[in-house]
Amino acid sequence: AYEALASKGTTAQKQTATIKALQARS
């Protein structure tokens, strides 16, 4: 879900979603 969100919104929103995706992956 976060990986999908990482392609949407502003740069900050994309980066936050990427962080959350990495957190979930861990």
mmCIF file of all heavy atoms, coordinates in Angstrom:
data_MODEL
# 
_entry.id   MODEL 
# 
loop_
_atom_site.group_PDB 
_atom_site.id 
_atom_site.type_symbol 
_atom_site.label_atom_id 
_atom_site.label_alt_id 
_atom_site.label_comp_id 
_atom_site.label_asym_id 
_atom_site.label_entity_id 
_atom_site.label_seq_id 
_atom_site.pdbx_PDB_ins_code 
_atom_site.Cartn_x 
_atom_site.Cartn_y 
_atom_site.Cartn_z 
_atom_site.occupancy 
_atom_site.B_iso_or_equiv 
_atom_site.pdbx_formal_charge 
_atom_site.auth_seq_id 
_atom_site.auth_comp_id 
_atom_site.auth_asym_id 
_atom_site.auth_atom_id 
_atom_site.pdbx_PDB_model_num 
ATOM 1   N N   . ALA A 1 1  ? 0.831  -1.200 0.000  1.00 0.00 ? 1  ALA A N   1 
ATOM 2   C CA  . ALA A 1 1  ? 0.000  0.000  0.000  1.00 0.00 ? 1  ALA A CA  1 
ATOM 3   C C   . ALA A 1 1  ? 0.870  1.258  0.000  1.00 0.00 ? 1  ALA A C   1 
ATOM 4   O O   . ALA A 1 1  ? 0.623  2.208  -0.756 1.00 0.00 ? 1  ALA A O   1 
ATOM 5   C CB  . ALA A 1 1  ? -0.930 -0.005 1.213  1.00 0.00 ? 1  ALA A CB  1 
ATOM 6   N N   . TYR A 1 2  ? 1.903  1.258  0.836  1.00 0.00 ? 2  TYR A N   1 
ATOM 7   C CA  . TYR A 1 2  ? 2.789  2.425  0.886  1.00 0.00 ? 2  TYR A CA  1 
ATOM 8   C C   . TYR A 1 2  ? 3.622  2.559  -0.384 1.00 0.00 ? 2  TYR A C   1 
ATOM 9   O O   . TYR A 1 2  ? 3.917  3.676  -0.828 1.00 0.00 ? 2  TYR A O   1 
ATOM 10  C CB  . TYR A 1 2  ? 3.692  2.355  2.112  1.00 0.00 ? 2  TYR A CB  1 
ATOM 11  C CG  . TYR A 1 2  ? 3.049  2.925  3.355  1.00 0.00 ? 2  TYR A CG  1 
ATOM 12  C CD1 . TYR A 1 2  ? 2.855  2.141  4.489  1.00 0.00 ? 2  TYR A CD1 1 
ATOM 13  C CD2 . TYR A 1 2  ? 2.633  4.259  3.401  1.00 0.00 ? 2  TYR A CD2 1 
ATOM 14  C CE1 . TYR A 1 2  ? 2.262  2.665  5.635  1.00 0.00 ? 2  TYR A CE1 1 
ATOM 15  C CE2 . TYR A 1 2  ? 2.032  4.783  4.544  1.00 0.00 ? 2  TYR A CE2 1 
ATOM 16  C CZ  . TYR A 1 2  ? 1.858  3.994  5.648  1.00 0.00 ? 2  TYR A CZ  1 
ATOM 17  O OH  . TYR A 1 2  ? 1.271  4.513  6.779  1.00 0.00 ? 2  TYR A OH  1 
ATOM 18  N N   . GLU A 1 3  ? 3.994  1.430  -0.984 1.00 0.00 ? 3  GLU A N   1 
ATOM 19  C CA  . GLU A 1 3  ? 4.724  1.505  -2.253 1.00 0.00 ? 3  GLU A CA  1 
ATOM 20  C C   . GLU A 1 3  ? 3.857  2.151  -3.337 1.00 0.00 ? 3  GLU A C   1 
ATOM 21  O O   . GLU A 1 3  ? 4.345  2.919  -4.169 1.00 0.00 ? 3  GLU A O   1 
ATOM 22  C CB  . GLU A 1 3  ? 5.181  0.109  -2.677 1.00 0.00 ? 3  GLU A CB  1 
ATOM 23  C CG  . GLU A 1 3  ? 6.357  -0.411 -1.853 1.00 0.00 ? 3  GLU A CG  1 
ATOM 24  C CD  . GLU A 1 3  ? 6.743  -1.831 -2.209 1.00 0.00 ? 3  GLU A CD  1 
ATOM 25  O OE1 . GLU A 1 3  ? 5.952  -2.518 -2.903 1.00 0.00 ? 3  GLU A OE1 1 
ATOM 26  O OE2 . GLU A 1 3  ? 7.827  -2.283 -1.780 1.00 0.00 ? 3  GLU A OE2 1 
ATOM 27  N N   . ALA A 1 4  ? 2.555  1.833  -3.305 1.00 0.00 ? 4  ALA A N   1 
ATOM 28  C CA  . ALA A 1 4  ? 1.638  2.458  -4.258 1.00 0.00 ? 4  ALA A CA  1 
ATOM 29  C C   . ALA A 1 4  ? 1.475  3.946  -3.954 1.00 0.00 ? 4  ALA A C   1 
ATOM 30  O O   . ALA A 1 4  ? 1.403  4.776  -4.866 1.00 0.00 ? 4  ALA A O   1 
ATOM 31  C CB  . ALA A 1 4  ? 0.275  1.760  -4.209 1.00 0.00 ? 4  ALA A CB  1 
ATOM 32  N N   . LEU A 1 5  ? 1.443  4.299  -2.677 1.00 0.00 ? 5  LEU A N   1 
ATOM 33  C CA  . LEU A 1 5  ? 1.309  5.702  -2.287 1.00 0.00 ? 5  LEU A CA  1 
ATOM 34  C C   . LEU A 1 5  ? 2.552  6.514  -2.634 1.00 0.00 ? 5  LEU A C   1 
ATOM 35  O O   . LEU A 1 5  ? 2.481  7.733  -2.813 1.00 0.00 ? 5  LEU A O   1 
ATOM 36  C CB  . LEU A 1 5  ? 1.060  5.807  -0.778 1.00 0.00 ? 5  LEU A CB  1 
ATOM 37  C CG  . LEU A 1 5  ? -0.393 5.789  -0.295 1.00 0.00 ? 5  LEU A CG  1 
ATOM 38  C CD1 . LEU A 1 5  ? -0.444 5.829  1.219  1.00 0.00 ? 5  LEU A CD1 1 
ATOM 39  C CD2 . LEU A 1 5  ? -1.168 6.963  -0.882 1.00 0.00 ? 5  LEU A CD2 1 
ATOM 40  N N   . ALA A 1 6  ? 3.695  5.834  -2.712 1.00 0.00 ? 6  ALA A N   1 
ATOM 41  C CA  . ALA A 1 6  ? 4.954  6.529  -2.977 1.00 0.00 ? 6  ALA A CA  1 
ATOM 42  C C   . ALA A 1 6  ? 5.015  7.145  -4.370 1.00 0.00 ? 6  ALA A C   1 
ATOM 43  O O   . ALA A 1 6  ? 5.938  7.894  -4.676 1.00 0.00 ? 6  ALA A O   1 
ATOM 44  C CB  . ALA A 1 6  ? 6.130  5.575  -2.783 1.00 0.00 ? 6  ALA A CB  1 
ATOM 45  N N   . SER A 1 7  ? 4.043  6.834  -5.211 1.00 0.00 ? 7  SER A N   1 
ATOM 46  C CA  . SER A 1 7  ? 4.011  7.414  -6.567 1.00 0.00 ? 7  SER A CA  1 
ATOM 47  C C   . SER A 1 7  ? 3.006  8.551  -6.665 1.00 0.00 ? 7  SER A C   1 
ATOM 48  O O   . SER A 1 7  ? 2.732  9.049  -7.753 1.00 0.00 ? 7  SER A O   1 
ATOM 49  C CB  . SER A 1 7  ? 3.647  6.327  -7.584 1.00 0.00 ? 7  SER A CB  1 
ATOM 50  O OG  . SER A 1 7  ? 2.332  5.829  -7.341 1.00 0.00 ? 7  SER A OG  1 
ATOM 51  N N   . LYS A 1 8  ? 2.456  8.974  -5.509 1.00 0.00 ? 8  LYS A N   1 
ATOM 52  C CA  . LYS A 1 8  ? 1.411  9.993  -5.531 1.00 0.00 ? 8  LYS A CA  1 
ATOM 53  C C   . LYS A 1 8  ? 1.815  11.202 -4.677 1.00 0.00 ? 8  LYS A C   1 
ATOM 54  O O   . LYS A 1 8  ? 2.607  11.071 -3.750 1.00 0.00 ? 8  LYS A O   1 
ATOM 55  C CB  . LYS A 1 8  ? 0.095  9.420  -4.989 1.00 0.00 ? 8  LYS A CB  1 
ATOM 56  C CG  . LYS A 1 8  ? -0.451 8.230  -5.764 1.00 0.00 ? 8  LYS A CG  1 
ATOM 57  C CD  . LYS A 1 8  ? -1.683 7.662  -5.083 1.00 0.00 ? 8  LYS A CD  1 
ATOM 58  C CE  . LYS A 1 8  ? -2.241 6.480  -5.855 1.00 0.00 ? 8  LYS A CE  1 
ATOM 59  N NZ  . LYS A 1 8  ? -2.767 6.878  -7.167 1.00 0.00 ? 8  LYS A NZ  1 
ATOM 60  N N   . GLY A 1 9  ? 1.229  12.354 -4.970 1.00 0.00 ? 9  GLY A N   1 
ATOM 61  C CA  . GLY A 1 9  ? 1.372  13.522 -4.123 1.00 0.00 ? 9  GLY A CA  1 
ATOM 62  C C   . GLY A 1 9  ? 2.639  14.324 -4.342 1.00 0.00 ? 9  GLY A C   1 
ATOM 63  O O   . GLY A 1 9  ? 3.332  14.182 -5.354 1.00 0.00 ? 9  GLY A O   1 
ATOM 64  N N   . THR A 1 10 ? 2.947  15.151 -3.351 1.00 0.00 ? 10 THR A N   1 
ATOM 65  C CA  . THR A 1 10 ? 4.127  15.998 -3.412 1.00 0.00 ? 10 THR A CA  1 
ATOM 66  C C   . THR A 1 10 ? 5.385  15.175 -3.150 1.00 0.00 ? 10 THR A C   1 
ATOM 67  O O   . THR A 1 10 ? 5.308  14.014 -2.751 1.00 0.00 ? 10 THR A O   1 
ATOM 68  C CB  . THR A 1 10 ? 4.037  17.106 -2.352 1.00 0.00 ? 10 THR A CB  1 
ATOM 69  O OG1 . THR A 1 10 ? 4.056  16.485 -1.048 1.00 0.00 ? 10 THR A OG1 1 
ATOM 70  C CG2 . THR A 1 10 ? 2.761  17.910 -2.503 1.00 0.00 ? 10 THR A CG2 1 
ATOM 71  N N   . THR A 1 11 ? 6.537  15.809 -3.341 1.00 0.00 ? 11 THR A N   1 
ATOM 72  C CA  . THR A 1 11 ? 7.801  15.118 -3.091 1.00 0.00 ? 11 THR A CA  1 
ATOM 73  C C   . THR A 1 11 ? 7.880  14.646 -1.641 1.00 0.00 ? 11 THR A C   1 
ATOM 74  O O   . THR A 1 11 ? 8.271  13.501 -1.374 1.00 0.00 ? 11 THR A O   1 
ATOM 75  C CB  . THR A 1 11 ? 8.989  16.046 -3.392 1.00 0.00 ? 11 THR A CB  1 
ATOM 76  O OG1 . THR A 1 11 ? 8.950  16.414 -4.767 1.00 0.00 ? 11 THR A OG1 1 
ATOM 77  C CG2 . THR A 1 11 ? 10.313 15.353 -3.089 1.00 0.00 ? 11 THR A CG2 1 
ATOM 78  N N   . ALA A 1 12 ? 7.502  15.508 -0.707 1.00 0.00 ? 12 ALA A N   1 
ATOM 79  C CA  . ALA A 1 12 ? 7.539  15.147 0.712  1.00 0.00 ? 12 ALA A CA  1 
ATOM 80  C C   . ALA A 1 12 ? 6.605  13.971 1.008  1.00 0.00 ? 12 ALA A C   1 
ATOM 81  O O   . ALA A 1 12 ? 6.964  13.049 1.759  1.00 0.00 ? 12 ALA A O   1 
ATOM 82  C CB  . ALA A 1 12 ? 7.160  16.350 1.570  1.00 0.00 ? 12 ALA A CB  1 
ATOM 83  N N   . GLN A 1 13 ? 5.404  13.984 0.411  1.00 0.00 ? 13 GLN A N   1 
ATOM 84  C CA  . GLN A 1 13 ? 4.455  12.887 0.627  1.00 0.00 ? 13 GLN A CA  1 
ATOM 85  C C   . GLN A 1 13 ? 4.980  11.581 0.053  1.00 0.00 ? 13 GLN A C   1 
ATOM 86  O O   . GLN A 1 13 ? 4.842  10.516 0.658  1.00 0.00 ? 13 GLN A O   1 
ATOM 87  C CB  . GLN A 1 13 ? 3.109  13.245 -0.008 1.00 0.00 ? 13 GLN A CB  1 
ATOM 88  C CG  . GLN A 1 13 ? 2.361  14.345 0.729  1.00 0.00 ? 13 GLN A CG  1 
ATOM 89  C CD  . GLN A 1 13 ? 1.136  14.836 -0.028 1.00 0.00 ? 13 GLN A CD  1 
ATOM 90  O OE1 . GLN A 1 13 ? 1.079  14.759 -1.267 1.00 0.00 ? 13 GLN A OE1 1 
ATOM 91  N NE2 . GLN A 1 13 ? 0.137  15.346 0.687  1.00 0.00 ? 13 GLN A NE2 1 
ATOM 92  N N   . LYS A 1 14 ? 5.603  11.673 -1.121 1.00 0.00 ? 14 LYS A N   1 
ATOM 93  C CA  . LYS A 1 14 ? 6.171  10.472 -1.739 1.00 0.00 ? 14 LYS A CA  1 
ATOM 94  C C   . LYS A 1 14 ? 7.293  9.905  -0.882 1.00 0.00 ? 14 LYS A C   1 
ATOM 95  O O   . LYS A 1 14 ? 7.396  8.689  -0.689 1.00 0.00 ? 14 LYS A O   1 
ATOM 96  C CB  . LYS A 1 14 ? 6.697  10.801 -3.133 1.00 0.00 ? 14 LYS A CB  1 
ATOM 97  C CG  . LYS A 1 14 ? 5.627  11.117 -4.163 1.00 0.00 ? 14 LYS A CG  1 
ATOM 98  C CD  . LYS A 1 14 ? 6.247  11.498 -5.494 1.00 0.00 ? 14 LYS A CD  1 
ATOM 99  C CE  . LYS A 1 14 ? 5.192  11.825 -6.540 1.00 0.00 ? 14 LYS A CE  1 
ATOM 100 N NZ  . LYS A 1 14 ? 5.801  12.233 -7.830 1.00 0.00 ? 14 LYS A NZ  1 
ATOM 101 N N   . GLN A 1 15 ? 8.142  10.788 -0.356 1.00 0.00 ? 15 GLN A N   1 
ATOM 102 C CA  . GLN A 1 15 ? 9.264  10.330 0.456  1.00 0.00 ? 15 GLN A CA  1 
ATOM 103 C C   . GLN A 1 15 ? 8.784  9.727  1.775  1.00 0.00 ? 15 GLN A C   1 
ATOM 104 O O   . GLN A 1 15 ? 9.321  8.719  2.239  1.00 0.00 ? 15 GLN A O   1 
ATOM 105 C CB  . GLN A 1 15 ? 10.228 11.494 0.721  1.00 0.00 ? 15 GLN A CB  1 
ATOM 106 C CG  . GLN A 1 15 ? 10.949 12.009 -0.513 1.00 0.00 ? 15 GLN A CG  1 
ATOM 107 C CD  . GLN A 1 15 ? 11.872 10.974 -1.125 1.00 0.00 ? 15 GLN A CD  1 
ATOM 108 O OE1 . GLN A 1 15 ? 12.196 9.965  -0.527 1.00 0.00 ? 15 GLN A OE1 1 
ATOM 109 N NE2 . GLN A 1 15 ? 12.302 11.229 -2.354 1.00 0.00 ? 15 GLN A NE2 1 
ATOM 110 N N   . THR A 1 16 ? 7.760  10.332 2.371  1.00 0.00 ? 16 THR A N   1 
ATOM 111 C CA  . THR A 1 16 ? 7.201  9.780  3.612  1.00 0.00 ? 16 THR A CA  1 
ATOM 112 C C   . THR A 1 16 ? 6.623  8.389  3.369  1.00 0.00 ? 16 THR A C   1 
ATOM 113 O O   . THR A 1 16 ? 6.818  7.469  4.179  1.00 0.00 ? 16 THR A O   1 
ATOM 114 C CB  . THR A 1 16 ? 6.111  10.711 4.185  1.00 0.00 ? 16 THR A CB  1 
ATOM 115 O OG1 . THR A 1 16 ? 6.682  11.991 4.454  1.00 0.00 ? 16 THR A OG1 1 
ATOM 116 C CG2 . THR A 1 16 ? 5.525  10.139 5.465  1.00 0.00 ? 16 THR A CG2 1 
ATOM 117 N N   . ALA A 1 17 ? 5.919  8.233  2.251  1.00 0.00 ? 17 ALA A N   1 
ATOM 118 C CA  . ALA A 1 17 ? 5.360  6.920  1.916  1.00 0.00 ? 17 ALA A CA  1 
ATOM 119 C C   . ALA A 1 17 ? 6.478  5.915  1.670  1.00 0.00 ? 17 ALA A C   1 
ATOM 120 O O   . ALA A 1 17 ? 6.372  4.737  2.051  1.00 0.00 ? 17 ALA A O   1 
ATOM 121 C CB  . ALA A 1 17 ? 4.467  7.027  0.687  1.00 0.00 ? 17 ALA A CB  1 
ATOM 122 N N   . THR A 1 18 ? 7.564  6.355  1.040  1.00 0.00 ? 18 THR A N   1 
ATOM 123 C CA  . THR A 1 18 ? 8.712  5.467  0.811  1.00 0.00 ? 18 THR A CA  1 
ATOM 124 C C   . THR A 1 18 ? 9.319  5.020  2.133  1.00 0.00 ? 18 THR A C   1 
ATOM 125 O O   . THR A 1 18 ? 9.686  3.846  2.304  1.00 0.00 ? 18 THR A O   1 
ATOM 126 C CB  . THR A 1 18 ? 9.775  6.189  -0.042 1.00 0.00 ? 18 THR A CB  1 
ATOM 127 O OG1 . THR A 1 18 ? 9.206  6.549  -1.300 1.00 0.00 ? 18 THR A OG1 1 
ATOM 128 C CG2 . THR A 1 18 ? 10.979 5.282  -0.280 1.00 0.00 ? 18 THR A CG2 1 
ATOM 129 N N   . ILE A 1 19 ? 9.434  5.956  3.082  1.00 0.00 ? 19 ILE A N   1 
ATOM 130 C CA  . ILE A 1 19 ? 9.952  5.613  4.419  1.00 0.00 ? 19 ILE A CA  1 
ATOM 131 C C   . ILE A 1 19 ? 9.074  4.547  5.067  1.00 0.00 ? 19 ILE A C   1 
ATOM 132 O O   . ILE A 1 19 ? 9.558  3.559  5.615  1.00 0.00 ? 19 ILE A O   1 
ATOM 133 C CB  . ILE A 1 19 ? 10.007 6.871  5.308  1.00 0.00 ? 19 ILE A CB  1 
ATOM 134 C CG1 . ILE A 1 19 ? 11.038 7.856  4.762  1.00 0.00 ? 19 ILE A CG1 1 
ATOM 135 C CG2 . ILE A 1 19 ? 10.348 6.498  6.752  1.00 0.00 ? 19 ILE A CG2 1 
ATOM 136 C CD1 . ILE A 1 19 ? 10.921 9.248  5.341  1.00 0.00 ? 19 ILE A CD1 1 
ATOM 137 N N   . LYS A 1 20 ? 7.748  4.766  4.992  1.00 0.00 ? 20 LYS A N   1 
ATOM 138 C CA  . LYS A 1 20 ? 6.802  3.812  5.586  1.00 0.00 ? 20 LYS A CA  1 
ATOM 139 C C   . LYS A 1 20 ? 6.876  2.450  4.893  1.00 0.00 ? 20 LYS A C   1 
ATOM 140 O O   . LYS A 1 20 ? 6.740  1.399  5.535  1.00 0.00 ? 20 LYS A O   1 
ATOM 141 C CB  . LYS A 1 20 ? 5.384  4.371  5.503  1.00 0.00 ? 20 LYS A CB  1 
ATOM 142 C CG  . LYS A 1 20 ? 5.140  5.591  6.372  1.00 0.00 ? 20 LYS A CG  1 
ATOM 143 C CD  . LYS A 1 20 ? 4.940  5.200  7.814  1.00 0.00 ? 20 LYS A CD  1 
ATOM 144 C CE  . LYS A 1 20 ? 4.423  6.344  8.645  1.00 0.00 ? 20 LYS A CE  1 
ATOM 145 N NZ  . LYS A 1 20 ? 4.138  5.940  10.044 1.00 0.00 ? 20 LYS A NZ  1 
ATOM 146 N N   . ALA A 1 21 ? 7.081  2.464  3.574  1.00 0.00 ? 21 ALA A N   1 
ATOM 147 C CA  . ALA A 1 21 ? 7.209  1.204  2.829  1.00 0.00 ? 21 ALA A CA  1 
ATOM 148 C C   . ALA A 1 21 ? 8.462  0.458  3.272  1.00 0.00 ? 21 ALA A C   1 
ATOM 149 O O   . ALA A 1 21 ? 8.441  -0.770 3.449  1.00 0.00 ? 21 ALA A O   1 
ATOM 150 C CB  . ALA A 1 21 ? 7.256  1.485  1.330  1.00 0.00 ? 21 ALA A CB  1 
ATOM 151 N N   . LEU A 1 22 ? 9.556  1.183  3.447  1.00 0.00 ? 22 LEU A N   1 
ATOM 152 C CA  . LEU A 1 22 ? 10.803 0.562  3.918  1.00 0.00 ? 22 LEU A CA  1 
ATOM 153 C C   . LEU A 1 22 ? 10.642 0.037  5.341  1.00 0.00 ? 22 LEU A C   1 
ATOM 154 O O   . LEU A 1 22 ? 11.146 -1.040 5.676  1.00 0.00 ? 22 LEU A O   1 
ATOM 155 C CB  . LEU A 1 22 ? 11.937 1.582  3.862  1.00 0.00 ? 22 LEU A CB  1 
ATOM 156 C CG  . LEU A 1 22 ? 12.455 1.937  2.465  1.00 0.00 ? 22 LEU A CG  1 
ATOM 157 C CD1 . LEU A 1 22 ? 13.314 3.191  2.510  1.00 0.00 ? 22 LEU A CD1 1 
ATOM 158 C CD2 . LEU A 1 22 ? 13.245 0.759  1.875  1.00 0.00 ? 22 LEU A CD2 1 
ATOM 159 N N   . GLN A 1 23 ? 9.923  0.785  6.154  1.00 0.00 ? 23 GLN A N   1 
ATOM 160 C CA  . GLN A 1 23 ? 9.666  0.347  7.525  1.00 0.00 ? 23 GLN A CA  1 
ATOM 161 C C   . GLN A 1 23 ? 8.864  -0.954 7.532  1.00 0.00 ? 23 GLN A C   1 
ATOM 162 O O   . GLN A 1 23 ? 9.177  -1.898 8.261  1.00 0.00 ? 23 GLN A O   1 
ATOM 163 C CB  . GLN A 1 23 ? 8.909  1.435  8.284  1.00 0.00 ? 23 GLN A CB  1 
ATOM 164 C CG  . GLN A 1 23 ? 8.626  1.100  9.741  1.00 0.00 ? 23 GLN A CG  1 
ATOM 165 C CD  . GLN A 1 23 ? 7.783  2.174  10.408 1.00 0.00 ? 23 GLN A CD  1 
ATOM 166 O OE1 . GLN A 1 23 ? 7.043  2.907  9.752  1.00 0.00 ? 23 GLN A OE1 1 
ATOM 167 N NE2 . GLN A 1 23 ? 7.891  2.282  11.716 1.00 0.00 ? 23 GLN A NE2 1 
ATOM 168 N N   . ALA A 1 24 ? 7.823  -0.998 6.693  1.00 0.00 ? 24 ALA A N   1 
ATOM 169 C CA  . ALA A 1 24 ? 7.010  -2.215 6.601  1.00 0.00 ? 24 ALA A CA  1 
ATOM 170 C C   . ALA A 1 24 ? 7.847  -3.370 6.067  1.00 0.00 ? 24 ALA A C   1 
ATOM 171 O O   . ALA A 1 24 ? 7.725  -4.512 6.531  1.00 0.00 ? 24 ALA A O   1 
ATOM 172 C CB  . ALA A 1 24 ? 5.797  -1.970 5.712  1.00 0.00 ? 24 ALA A CB  1 
ATOM 173 N N   . ARG A 1 25 ? 8.713  -3.083 5.080  1.00 0.00 ? 25 ARG A N   1 
ATOM 174 C CA  . ARG A 1 25 ? 9.565  -4.133 4.523  1.00 0.00 ? 25 ARG A CA  1 
ATOM 175 C C   . ARG A 1 25 ? 10.502 -4.696 5.589  1.00 0.00 ? 25 ARG A C   1 
ATOM 176 O O   . ARG A 1 25 ? 10.746 -5.916 5.632  1.00 0.00 ? 25 ARG A O   1 
ATOM 177 C CB  . ARG A 1 25 ? 10.367 -3.605 3.347  1.00 0.00 ? 25 ARG A CB  1 
ATOM 178 C CG  . ARG A 1 25 ? 11.153 -4.704 2.620  1.00 0.00 ? 25 ARG A CG  1 
ATOM 179 C CD  . ARG A 1 25 ? 11.809 -4.183 1.353  1.00 0.00 ? 25 ARG A CD  1 
ATOM 180 N NE  . ARG A 1 25 ? 13.007 -3.408 1.639  1.00 0.00 ? 25 ARG A NE  1 
ATOM 181 C CZ  . ARG A 1 25 ? 13.733 -2.795 0.711  1.00 0.00 ? 25 ARG A CZ  1 
ATOM 182 N NH1 . ARG A 1 25 ? 13.367 -2.838 -0.556 1.00 0.00 ? 25 ARG A NH1 1 
ATOM 183 N NH2 . ARG A 1 25 ? 14.808 -2.105 1.046  1.00 0.00 ? 25 ARG A NH2 1 
ATOM 184 N N   . SER A 1 26 ? 10.994 -3.837 6.458  1.00 0.00 ? 26 SER A N   1 
ATOM 185 C CA  . SER A 1 26 ? 11.883 -4.326 7.515  1.00 0.00 ? 26 SER A CA  1 
ATOM 186 C C   . SER A 1 26 ? 11.154 -5.281 8.452  1.00 0.00 ? 26 SER A C   1 
ATOM 187 O O   . SER A 1 26 ? 11.731 -6.265 8.929  1.00 0.00 ? 26 SER A O   1 
ATOM 188 C CB  . SER A 1 26 ? 12.481 -3.150 8.310  1.00 0.00 ? 26 SER A CB  1 
ATOM 189 O OG  . SER A 1 26 ? 11.519 -2.558 9.169  1.00 0.00 ? 26 SER A OG  1 
# 
